């Protein structure tokens, strides 16, 4: 167990190091990406406040994605994350190329990782991709976020993955 002080706060936070962290439910790639990070009970308990707080945490996002992958339903979070990266693109050439790839992979009917959006939104995005902007996927991203918030996120909060993580860090704070 490690005691750390964060920011200007003088209140110590009890965290688990890698050696103390139970990882039996997480995908090996997720574990590799998080090696060396600290997992704080306080941070993990914040994840239950909202999907927004969960996704604001780099580690929370990875755990949520691992959970969805275990349910074979990770296309929504994958799409949402790809859109967040897409919005950071500055080059119009790169934006056009990436927009077409995103459309082909997630939006197009019968796409390999097709997300659940209505026909009207799919058509709107088809037009948007012809002259892409940073906002061209916003409507689909809003819909997908709503689906995750109403469906996937509550399941995640009830999942063994989340409960095990929370319990293991909570128990360590009592030591």
N, C-alpha and C. Protein backbone atom coordinates (compact mmCIF):
# COMPACT_ATOMS: atom_id res chain seq x y z
N UNK A 1 0.84 -1.17 0.00
CA UNK A 1 0.00 0.00 0.00
C UNK A 1 0.89 1.23 0.00
N UNK A 2 0.48 2.25 -0.78
CA UNK A 2 1.26 3.46 -0.91
C UNK A 2 0.39 4.65 -0.55
N UNK A 3 0.91 5.56 0.23
CA UNK A 3 0.20 6.79 0.54
C UNK A 3 0.75 7.89 -0.35
N UNK A 4 -0.15 8.62 -1.01
CA UNK A 4 0.27 9.70 -1.88
C UNK A 4 -0.53 10.95 -1.60
N UNK A 5 0.08 12.08 -1.85
CA UNK A 5 -0.65 13.33 -1.76
C UNK A 5 -0.77 13.85 -3.18
N UNK A 6 -1.98 14.28 -3.56
CA UNK A 6 -2.19 14.75 -4.91
C UNK A 6 -2.38 16.24 -4.93
N UNK A 7 -1.80 16.89 -5.94
CA UNK A 7 -1.98 18.32 -6.13
C UNK A 7 -1.64 19.11 -4.90
N UNK A 8 -2.45 20.12 -4.62
CA UNK A 8 -2.22 20.98 -3.47
C UNK A 8 -2.92 20.46 -2.23
N UNK A 9 -3.61 19.32 -2.38
CA UNK A 9 -4.33 18.75 -1.24
C UNK A 9 -3.34 18.14 -0.26
N UNK A 10 -3.59 18.34 1.01
CA UNK A 10 -2.72 17.75 2.01
C UNK A 10 -3.26 16.42 2.49
N UNK A 11 -4.48 16.08 2.05
CA UNK A 11 -5.11 14.82 2.45
C UNK A 11 -4.48 13.66 1.68
N UNK A 12 -3.95 12.65 2.36
CA UNK A 12 -3.36 11.52 1.65
C UNK A 12 -4.43 10.62 1.03
N UNK A 13 -4.09 10.01 -0.09
CA UNK A 13 -4.97 9.07 -0.77
C UNK A 13 -4.29 7.71 -0.73
N UNK A 14 -5.05 6.69 -0.43
CA UNK A 14 -4.48 5.35 -0.39
C UNK A 14 -4.68 4.71 -1.75
N UNK A 15 -3.60 4.26 -2.33
CA UNK A 15 -3.63 3.68 -3.67
C UNK A 15 -3.00 2.30 -3.65
N UNK A 16 -3.26 1.58 -4.71
CA UNK A 16 -2.65 0.26 -4.86
C UNK A 16 -1.58 0.33 -5.93
N UNK A 17 -0.47 -0.30 -5.68
CA UNK A 17 0.56 -0.43 -6.70
C UNK A 17 0.19 -1.62 -7.58
N UNK A 18 0.94 -1.82 -8.65
CA UNK A 18 0.67 -2.96 -9.54
C UNK A 18 0.67 -4.29 -8.80
N UNK A 19 1.57 -4.45 -7.86
CA UNK A 19 1.68 -5.72 -7.14
C UNK A 19 0.44 -6.02 -6.31
N UNK A 20 -0.26 -4.98 -5.87
CA UNK A 20 -1.42 -5.18 -5.01
C UNK A 20 -2.74 -5.18 -5.78
N UNK A 21 -2.69 -4.95 -7.08
CA UNK A 21 -3.88 -4.77 -7.88
C UNK A 21 -4.35 -6.09 -8.46
N UNK A 22 -5.61 -6.47 -8.20
CA UNK A 22 -6.17 -7.70 -8.74
C UNK A 22 -6.59 -7.48 -10.19
N UNK A 23 -6.05 -8.27 -11.10
CA UNK A 23 -6.27 -8.02 -12.52
C UNK A 23 -6.82 -9.22 -13.27
N UNK A 24 -7.40 -10.16 -12.60
CA UNK A 24 -7.77 -11.40 -13.27
C UNK A 24 -8.82 -11.22 -14.36
N UNK A 25 -9.62 -10.13 -14.31
CA UNK A 25 -10.68 -9.95 -15.29
C UNK A 25 -10.28 -9.06 -16.46
N UNK A 26 -9.14 -8.41 -16.38
CA UNK A 26 -8.79 -7.45 -17.41
C UNK A 26 -8.02 -8.09 -18.55
N UNK A 27 -8.22 -7.57 -19.74
CA UNK A 27 -7.55 -8.02 -20.95
C UNK A 27 -6.04 -7.75 -20.81
N UNK A 28 -5.19 -8.66 -21.24
CA UNK A 28 -3.74 -8.48 -21.10
C UNK A 28 -3.22 -7.16 -21.69
N UNK A 29 -3.78 -6.73 -22.82
CA UNK A 29 -3.34 -5.47 -23.43
C UNK A 29 -3.66 -4.29 -22.51
N UNK A 30 -4.81 -4.32 -21.84
CA UNK A 30 -5.18 -3.27 -20.91
C UNK A 30 -4.21 -3.24 -19.75
N UNK A 31 -3.83 -4.40 -19.27
CA UNK A 31 -2.88 -4.48 -18.16
C UNK A 31 -1.54 -3.87 -18.55
N UNK A 32 -1.08 -4.19 -19.75
CA UNK A 32 0.21 -3.66 -20.21
C UNK A 32 0.16 -2.14 -20.31
N UNK A 33 -0.95 -1.60 -20.79
CA UNK A 33 -1.08 -0.15 -20.95
C UNK A 33 -1.10 0.57 -19.61
N UNK A 34 -1.55 -0.09 -18.56
CA UNK A 34 -1.69 0.58 -17.27
C UNK A 34 -0.53 0.29 -16.33
N UNK A 35 0.45 -0.49 -16.75
CA UNK A 35 1.57 -0.85 -15.89
C UNK A 35 2.25 0.42 -15.37
N UNK A 36 2.52 0.43 -14.09
CA UNK A 36 3.19 1.58 -13.49
C UNK A 36 2.24 2.64 -12.96
N UNK A 37 0.98 2.61 -13.36
CA UNK A 37 0.01 3.58 -12.86
C UNK A 37 -0.39 3.22 -11.43
N UNK A 38 -0.92 4.18 -10.73
CA UNK A 38 -1.51 3.92 -9.41
C UNK A 38 -3.02 3.95 -9.55
N UNK A 39 -3.69 3.07 -8.82
CA UNK A 39 -5.16 3.03 -8.84
C UNK A 39 -5.65 3.47 -7.48
N UNK A 40 -6.31 4.59 -7.42
CA UNK A 40 -6.79 5.13 -6.15
C UNK A 40 -8.26 4.79 -5.95
N UNK A 41 -8.60 4.40 -4.74
CA UNK A 41 -9.99 4.13 -4.39
C UNK A 41 -10.85 5.36 -4.66
N UNK A 42 -10.34 6.52 -4.31
CA UNK A 42 -11.11 7.75 -4.51
C UNK A 42 -11.44 7.96 -5.99
N UNK A 43 -10.47 7.74 -6.85
CA UNK A 43 -10.71 7.90 -8.28
C UNK A 43 -11.73 6.88 -8.78
N UNK A 44 -11.55 5.62 -8.38
CA UNK A 44 -12.48 4.57 -8.83
C UNK A 44 -13.89 4.80 -8.34
N UNK A 45 -14.03 5.28 -7.12
CA UNK A 45 -15.38 5.53 -6.61
C UNK A 45 -16.05 6.68 -7.35
N UNK A 46 -15.26 7.59 -7.91
CA UNK A 46 -15.82 8.70 -8.71
C UNK A 46 -16.45 8.19 -10.01
N UNK A 47 -15.97 7.06 -10.49
CA UNK A 47 -16.50 6.52 -11.74
C UNK A 47 -17.99 6.24 -11.65
N UNK A 48 -18.49 5.97 -10.46
CA UNK A 48 -19.91 5.65 -10.31
C UNK A 48 -20.80 6.90 -10.33
N UNK A 49 -20.21 8.08 -10.33
CA UNK A 49 -21.00 9.32 -10.33
C UNK A 49 -21.59 9.62 -11.69
N UNK A 50 -20.84 9.33 -12.74
CA UNK A 50 -21.34 9.58 -14.10
C UNK A 50 -20.41 8.93 -15.12
N UNK A 51 -20.97 8.69 -16.29
CA UNK A 51 -20.16 8.17 -17.38
C UNK A 51 -19.09 9.20 -17.75
N UNK A 52 -19.44 10.46 -17.67
CA UNK A 52 -18.49 11.52 -17.98
C UNK A 52 -17.25 11.43 -17.09
N UNK A 53 -17.45 11.19 -15.80
CA UNK A 53 -16.31 11.07 -14.88
C UNK A 53 -15.49 9.81 -15.18
N UNK A 54 -16.17 8.74 -15.52
CA UNK A 54 -15.47 7.50 -15.87
C UNK A 54 -14.57 7.74 -17.08
N UNK A 55 -15.12 8.38 -18.12
CA UNK A 55 -14.37 8.59 -19.35
C UNK A 55 -13.31 9.68 -19.21
N UNK A 56 -13.42 10.51 -18.19
CA UNK A 56 -12.40 11.54 -17.93
C UNK A 56 -11.14 10.92 -17.34
N UNK A 57 -11.27 9.71 -16.83
CA UNK A 57 -10.13 8.99 -16.26
C UNK A 57 -9.53 8.08 -17.32
N UNK A 58 -8.25 8.25 -17.59
CA UNK A 58 -7.56 7.40 -18.57
C UNK A 58 -7.71 5.93 -18.19
N UNK A 59 -7.48 5.64 -16.92
CA UNK A 59 -7.58 4.27 -16.45
C UNK A 59 -9.03 3.79 -16.47
N UNK A 60 -9.96 4.65 -16.07
CA UNK A 60 -11.38 4.31 -16.09
C UNK A 60 -11.84 3.95 -17.48
N UNK A 61 -11.39 4.71 -18.46
CA UNK A 61 -11.75 4.43 -19.85
C UNK A 61 -11.23 3.07 -20.28
N UNK A 62 -10.00 2.75 -19.90
CA UNK A 62 -9.43 1.44 -20.27
C UNK A 62 -10.17 0.29 -19.60
N UNK A 63 -10.54 0.45 -18.34
CA UNK A 63 -11.27 -0.61 -17.64
C UNK A 63 -12.66 -0.77 -18.25
N UNK A 64 -13.33 0.34 -18.55
CA UNK A 64 -14.66 0.30 -19.18
C UNK A 64 -14.57 -0.38 -20.54
N UNK A 65 -13.55 -0.05 -21.30
CA UNK A 65 -13.36 -0.66 -22.62
C UNK A 65 -13.10 -2.16 -22.49
N UNK A 66 -12.31 -2.56 -21.50
CA UNK A 66 -12.05 -3.98 -21.27
C UNK A 66 -13.33 -4.71 -20.90
N UNK A 67 -14.16 -4.07 -20.07
CA UNK A 67 -15.46 -4.65 -19.70
C UNK A 67 -16.32 -4.84 -20.95
N UNK A 68 -16.43 -3.81 -21.78
CA UNK A 68 -17.26 -3.91 -22.98
C UNK A 68 -16.72 -4.96 -23.94
N UNK A 69 -15.40 -5.06 -24.03
CA UNK A 69 -14.80 -6.09 -24.89
C UNK A 69 -15.17 -7.48 -24.39
N UNK A 70 -15.22 -7.65 -23.07
CA UNK A 70 -15.59 -8.95 -22.50
C UNK A 70 -17.04 -9.31 -22.82
N UNK A 71 -17.85 -8.31 -23.11
CA UNK A 71 -19.26 -8.53 -23.49
C UNK A 71 -19.45 -8.49 -25.01
N UNK A 72 -18.38 -8.37 -25.75
CA UNK A 72 -18.43 -8.27 -27.21
C UNK A 72 -19.29 -7.08 -27.64
N UNK A 73 -19.16 -5.97 -26.92
CA UNK A 73 -19.95 -4.77 -27.26
C UNK A 73 -19.11 -3.51 -27.13
N UNK A 74 -17.87 -3.58 -27.60
CA UNK A 74 -16.97 -2.44 -27.43
C UNK A 74 -16.93 -1.48 -28.62
N UNK A 75 -17.78 -1.71 -29.64
CA UNK A 75 -17.75 -0.82 -30.80
C UNK A 75 -18.17 0.61 -30.44
N UNK A 76 -19.08 0.77 -29.48
CA UNK A 76 -19.52 2.12 -29.12
C UNK A 76 -18.41 2.94 -28.46
N UNK A 77 -17.73 2.37 -27.48
CA UNK A 77 -16.65 3.11 -26.82
C UNK A 77 -15.50 3.32 -27.79
N UNK A 78 -15.24 2.33 -28.63
CA UNK A 78 -14.18 2.46 -29.63
C UNK A 78 -14.50 3.62 -30.57
N UNK A 79 -15.74 3.69 -31.06
CA UNK A 79 -16.16 4.79 -31.93
C UNK A 79 -16.04 6.13 -31.21
N UNK A 80 -16.52 6.19 -29.98
CA UNK A 80 -16.49 7.44 -29.22
C UNK A 80 -15.05 7.93 -29.05
N UNK A 81 -14.13 7.02 -28.73
CA UNK A 81 -12.72 7.39 -28.56
C UNK A 81 -12.08 7.82 -29.88
N UNK A 82 -12.41 7.13 -30.95
CA UNK A 82 -11.89 7.50 -32.27
C UNK A 82 -12.36 8.91 -32.64
N UNK A 83 -13.61 9.22 -32.32
CA UNK A 83 -14.13 10.57 -32.60
C UNK A 83 -13.42 11.63 -31.76
N UNK A 84 -13.12 11.31 -30.52
CA UNK A 84 -12.38 12.26 -29.67
C UNK A 84 -11.01 12.56 -30.28
N UNK A 85 -10.34 11.52 -30.78
CA UNK A 85 -9.04 11.73 -31.45
C UNK A 85 -9.21 12.49 -32.76
N UNK A 86 -10.26 12.17 -33.49
CA UNK A 86 -10.53 12.83 -34.77
C UNK A 86 -10.67 14.34 -34.59
N UNK A 87 -11.31 14.76 -33.53
CA UNK A 87 -11.53 16.20 -33.28
C UNK A 87 -10.23 16.97 -33.08
N UNK A 88 -9.15 16.28 -32.81
CA UNK A 88 -7.85 16.93 -32.58
C UNK A 88 -7.05 17.13 -33.87
N UNK A 89 -7.53 16.58 -34.97
CA UNK A 89 -6.82 16.67 -36.24
C UNK A 89 -6.87 18.10 -36.76
N UNK A 90 -5.72 18.60 -37.20
CA UNK A 90 -5.62 19.97 -37.73
C UNK A 90 -5.56 19.99 -39.26
N UNK A 91 -4.93 19.01 -39.85
CA UNK A 91 -4.75 18.96 -41.30
C UNK A 91 -6.05 18.56 -42.00
N UNK A 92 -6.47 19.37 -42.99
CA UNK A 92 -7.72 19.05 -43.71
C UNK A 92 -7.57 17.76 -44.52
N UNK A 93 -6.39 17.52 -45.08
CA UNK A 93 -6.16 16.28 -45.83
C UNK A 93 -6.30 15.07 -44.91
N UNK A 94 -5.64 15.15 -43.76
CA UNK A 94 -5.69 14.04 -42.79
C UNK A 94 -7.11 13.86 -42.26
N UNK A 95 -7.81 14.98 -42.04
CA UNK A 95 -9.19 14.92 -41.55
C UNK A 95 -10.09 14.21 -42.55
N UNK A 96 -9.93 14.54 -43.82
CA UNK A 96 -10.74 13.91 -44.87
C UNK A 96 -10.48 12.41 -44.93
N UNK A 97 -9.23 12.04 -44.90
CA UNK A 97 -8.85 10.63 -44.94
C UNK A 97 -9.41 9.87 -43.73
N UNK A 98 -9.22 10.44 -42.56
CA UNK A 98 -9.69 9.80 -41.32
C UNK A 98 -11.21 9.72 -41.30
N UNK A 99 -11.91 10.76 -41.74
CA UNK A 99 -13.38 10.77 -41.74
C UNK A 99 -13.91 9.63 -42.59
N UNK A 100 -13.30 9.41 -43.75
CA UNK A 100 -13.73 8.32 -44.63
C UNK A 100 -13.51 6.96 -43.96
N UNK A 101 -12.38 6.81 -43.27
CA UNK A 101 -12.10 5.55 -42.58
C UNK A 101 -13.09 5.30 -41.45
N UNK A 102 -13.39 6.35 -40.69
CA UNK A 102 -14.35 6.22 -39.59
C UNK A 102 -15.71 5.86 -40.15
N UNK A 103 -16.12 6.52 -41.22
CA UNK A 103 -17.42 6.23 -41.83
C UNK A 103 -17.48 4.77 -42.28
N UNK A 104 -16.44 4.33 -42.97
CA UNK A 104 -16.41 2.96 -43.49
C UNK A 104 -16.43 1.92 -42.37
N UNK A 105 -15.74 2.20 -41.27
CA UNK A 105 -15.61 1.22 -40.18
C UNK A 105 -16.81 1.20 -39.24
N UNK A 106 -17.45 2.37 -38.97
CA UNK A 106 -18.47 2.45 -37.93
C UNK A 106 -19.86 2.90 -38.39
N UNK A 107 -19.93 3.70 -39.43
CA UNK A 107 -21.20 4.34 -39.80
C UNK A 107 -21.92 3.63 -40.94
N UNK A 108 -21.19 3.28 -41.95
CA UNK A 108 -21.76 2.66 -43.15
C UNK A 108 -22.58 1.42 -42.77
N UNK A 109 -23.73 1.25 -43.43
CA UNK A 109 -24.56 0.06 -43.18
C UNK A 109 -23.72 -1.19 -43.46
N UNK A 110 -23.82 -2.15 -42.57
CA UNK A 110 -23.06 -3.40 -42.66
C UNK A 110 -21.56 -3.21 -42.43
N UNK A 111 -21.17 -2.12 -41.79
CA UNK A 111 -19.76 -1.86 -41.48
C UNK A 111 -19.23 -2.93 -40.53
N UNK A 112 -17.93 -3.14 -40.55
CA UNK A 112 -17.29 -4.15 -39.69
C UNK A 112 -17.60 -3.91 -38.21
N UNK A 113 -17.64 -2.66 -37.77
CA UNK A 113 -17.89 -2.31 -36.37
C UNK A 113 -19.08 -1.35 -36.29
N UNK A 114 -20.12 -1.64 -37.05
CA UNK A 114 -21.27 -0.74 -37.17
C UNK A 114 -21.88 -0.40 -35.81
N UNK A 115 -22.07 0.91 -35.61
CA UNK A 115 -22.72 1.38 -34.39
C UNK A 115 -24.21 1.51 -34.63
N UNK A 116 -24.97 1.53 -33.56
CA UNK A 116 -26.42 1.56 -33.64
C UNK A 116 -26.92 3.01 -33.70
N UNK A 117 -27.09 3.51 -34.93
CA UNK A 117 -27.65 4.85 -35.13
C UNK A 117 -28.77 4.76 -36.16
N UNK A 118 -29.63 5.76 -36.15
CA UNK A 118 -30.76 5.76 -37.07
C UNK A 118 -30.31 6.13 -38.49
N UNK A 119 -31.18 5.82 -39.45
CA UNK A 119 -30.90 6.06 -40.86
C UNK A 119 -30.66 7.54 -41.15
N UNK A 120 -31.44 8.40 -40.54
CA UNK A 120 -31.32 9.85 -40.76
C UNK A 120 -29.92 10.35 -40.36
N UNK A 121 -29.44 9.90 -39.21
CA UNK A 121 -28.11 10.29 -38.74
C UNK A 121 -27.03 9.73 -39.65
N UNK A 122 -27.21 8.48 -40.07
CA UNK A 122 -26.25 7.84 -40.97
C UNK A 122 -26.14 8.64 -42.28
N UNK A 123 -27.27 9.06 -42.80
CA UNK A 123 -27.29 9.84 -44.05
C UNK A 123 -26.65 11.22 -43.84
N UNK A 124 -26.95 11.86 -42.72
CA UNK A 124 -26.37 13.16 -42.41
C UNK A 124 -24.84 13.06 -42.37
N UNK A 125 -24.34 12.02 -41.75
CA UNK A 125 -22.88 11.85 -41.66
C UNK A 125 -22.29 11.55 -43.03
N UNK A 126 -23.01 10.79 -43.83
CA UNK A 126 -22.54 10.51 -45.19
C UNK A 126 -22.29 11.82 -45.93
N UNK A 127 -23.22 12.77 -45.80
CA UNK A 127 -23.05 14.08 -46.42
C UNK A 127 -21.92 14.86 -45.75
N UNK A 128 -21.83 14.80 -44.44
CA UNK A 128 -20.78 15.52 -43.71
C UNK A 128 -19.38 15.07 -44.11
N UNK A 129 -19.22 13.79 -44.38
CA UNK A 129 -17.91 13.24 -44.71
C UNK A 129 -17.42 13.75 -46.07
N UNK A 130 -18.32 14.20 -46.91
CA UNK A 130 -17.93 14.75 -48.22
C UNK A 130 -17.13 16.04 -48.06
N UNK A 131 -17.41 16.79 -47.00
CA UNK A 131 -16.66 18.01 -46.68
C UNK A 131 -16.47 18.03 -45.16
N UNK A 132 -15.60 17.16 -44.66
CA UNK A 132 -15.52 16.93 -43.22
C UNK A 132 -15.03 18.14 -42.40
N UNK A 133 -15.60 18.24 -41.22
CA UNK A 133 -15.18 19.20 -40.21
C UNK A 133 -14.96 18.42 -38.92
N UNK A 134 -14.48 19.08 -37.89
CA UNK A 134 -14.28 18.39 -36.61
C UNK A 134 -15.60 17.95 -36.00
N UNK A 135 -16.71 18.56 -36.44
CA UNK A 135 -18.02 18.23 -35.88
C UNK A 135 -18.81 17.20 -36.69
N UNK A 136 -18.26 16.66 -37.75
CA UNK A 136 -19.07 15.83 -38.65
C UNK A 136 -19.61 14.55 -38.01
N UNK A 137 -19.02 14.08 -36.93
CA UNK A 137 -19.51 12.87 -36.26
C UNK A 137 -20.22 13.17 -34.94
N UNK A 138 -20.41 14.45 -34.63
CA UNK A 138 -20.95 14.83 -33.32
C UNK A 138 -22.31 14.20 -33.02
N UNK A 139 -23.21 14.17 -33.99
CA UNK A 139 -24.54 13.61 -33.74
C UNK A 139 -24.46 12.12 -33.44
N UNK A 140 -23.68 11.39 -34.20
CA UNK A 140 -23.51 9.95 -33.94
C UNK A 140 -22.82 9.74 -32.60
N UNK A 141 -21.86 10.58 -32.28
CA UNK A 141 -21.16 10.46 -31.01
C UNK A 141 -22.12 10.73 -29.85
N UNK A 142 -23.01 11.70 -30.01
CA UNK A 142 -24.01 12.00 -28.98
C UNK A 142 -24.94 10.81 -28.77
N UNK A 143 -25.38 10.20 -29.86
CA UNK A 143 -26.27 9.03 -29.78
C UNK A 143 -25.57 7.87 -29.08
N UNK A 144 -24.34 7.59 -29.48
CA UNK A 144 -23.57 6.49 -28.90
C UNK A 144 -23.31 6.74 -27.42
N UNK A 145 -23.00 7.97 -27.06
CA UNK A 145 -22.78 8.31 -25.65
C UNK A 145 -24.06 8.02 -24.85
N UNK A 146 -25.20 8.42 -25.40
CA UNK A 146 -26.49 8.15 -24.74
C UNK A 146 -26.74 6.67 -24.56
N UNK A 147 -26.43 5.87 -25.57
CA UNK A 147 -26.59 4.41 -25.47
C UNK A 147 -25.69 3.84 -24.38
N UNK A 148 -24.46 4.29 -24.34
CA UNK A 148 -23.53 3.80 -23.31
C UNK A 148 -24.00 4.23 -21.92
N UNK A 149 -24.47 5.46 -21.82
CA UNK A 149 -24.92 5.98 -20.52
C UNK A 149 -26.13 5.23 -19.99
N UNK A 150 -27.06 4.88 -20.87
CA UNK A 150 -28.29 4.20 -20.46
C UNK A 150 -28.13 2.68 -20.32
N UNK A 151 -27.22 2.09 -21.07
CA UNK A 151 -27.14 0.64 -21.13
C UNK A 151 -25.82 0.08 -20.59
N UNK A 152 -24.73 0.38 -21.24
CA UNK A 152 -23.43 -0.21 -20.89
C UNK A 152 -22.91 0.25 -19.54
N UNK A 153 -23.02 1.53 -19.27
CA UNK A 153 -22.49 2.09 -18.02
C UNK A 153 -23.14 1.49 -16.78
N UNK A 154 -24.49 1.40 -16.70
CA UNK A 154 -25.08 0.74 -15.52
C UNK A 154 -24.64 -0.72 -15.37
N UNK A 155 -24.49 -1.44 -16.49
CA UNK A 155 -24.00 -2.82 -16.43
C UNK A 155 -22.57 -2.86 -15.90
N UNK A 156 -21.76 -1.91 -16.33
CA UNK A 156 -20.38 -1.83 -15.85
C UNK A 156 -20.34 -1.64 -14.34
N UNK A 157 -21.18 -0.75 -13.82
CA UNK A 157 -21.20 -0.48 -12.38
C UNK A 157 -21.61 -1.71 -11.57
N UNK A 158 -22.39 -2.60 -12.19
CA UNK A 158 -22.82 -3.84 -11.51
C UNK A 158 -21.88 -5.01 -11.79
N UNK A 159 -20.90 -4.79 -12.65
CA UNK A 159 -20.03 -5.88 -13.11
C UNK A 159 -19.04 -6.34 -12.04
N UNK A 160 -18.59 -7.58 -12.21
CA UNK A 160 -17.55 -8.13 -11.33
C UNK A 160 -16.25 -7.33 -11.46
N UNK A 161 -15.95 -6.88 -12.67
CA UNK A 161 -14.72 -6.12 -12.89
C UNK A 161 -14.69 -4.88 -12.00
N UNK A 162 -15.73 -4.07 -12.08
CA UNK A 162 -15.77 -2.83 -11.30
C UNK A 162 -15.84 -3.13 -9.80
N UNK A 163 -16.71 -4.05 -9.42
CA UNK A 163 -16.88 -4.38 -7.99
C UNK A 163 -15.57 -4.91 -7.39
N UNK A 164 -14.89 -5.77 -8.12
CA UNK A 164 -13.63 -6.33 -7.63
C UNK A 164 -12.58 -5.24 -7.45
N UNK A 165 -12.46 -4.36 -8.43
CA UNK A 165 -11.51 -3.25 -8.31
C UNK A 165 -11.84 -2.37 -7.12
N UNK A 166 -13.09 -2.01 -7.00
CA UNK A 166 -13.52 -1.12 -5.91
C UNK A 166 -13.32 -1.79 -4.56
N UNK A 167 -13.71 -3.06 -4.46
CA UNK A 167 -13.55 -3.78 -3.19
C UNK A 167 -12.09 -3.94 -2.80
N UNK A 168 -11.24 -4.25 -3.78
CA UNK A 168 -9.83 -4.47 -3.46
C UNK A 168 -9.16 -3.18 -2.99
N UNK A 169 -9.53 -2.06 -3.57
CA UNK A 169 -8.94 -0.79 -3.12
C UNK A 169 -9.57 -0.34 -1.82
N UNK A 170 -10.85 -0.60 -1.65
CA UNK A 170 -11.55 -0.22 -0.42
C UNK A 170 -10.99 -1.00 0.77
N UNK A 171 -10.77 -2.30 0.58
CA UNK A 171 -10.22 -3.14 1.65
C UNK A 171 -8.81 -2.70 2.03
N UNK A 172 -8.04 -2.23 1.06
CA UNK A 172 -6.68 -1.79 1.33
C UNK A 172 -6.66 -0.50 2.15
N UNK A 173 -7.69 0.30 2.05
CA UNK A 173 -7.72 1.55 2.81
C UNK A 173 -7.97 1.29 4.29
N UNK A 174 -8.45 0.09 4.60
CA UNK A 174 -8.75 -0.26 6.00
C UNK A 174 -7.54 -0.81 6.73
N UNK A 175 -6.49 -1.11 5.98
CA UNK A 175 -5.28 -1.72 6.57
C UNK A 175 -4.54 -0.71 7.42
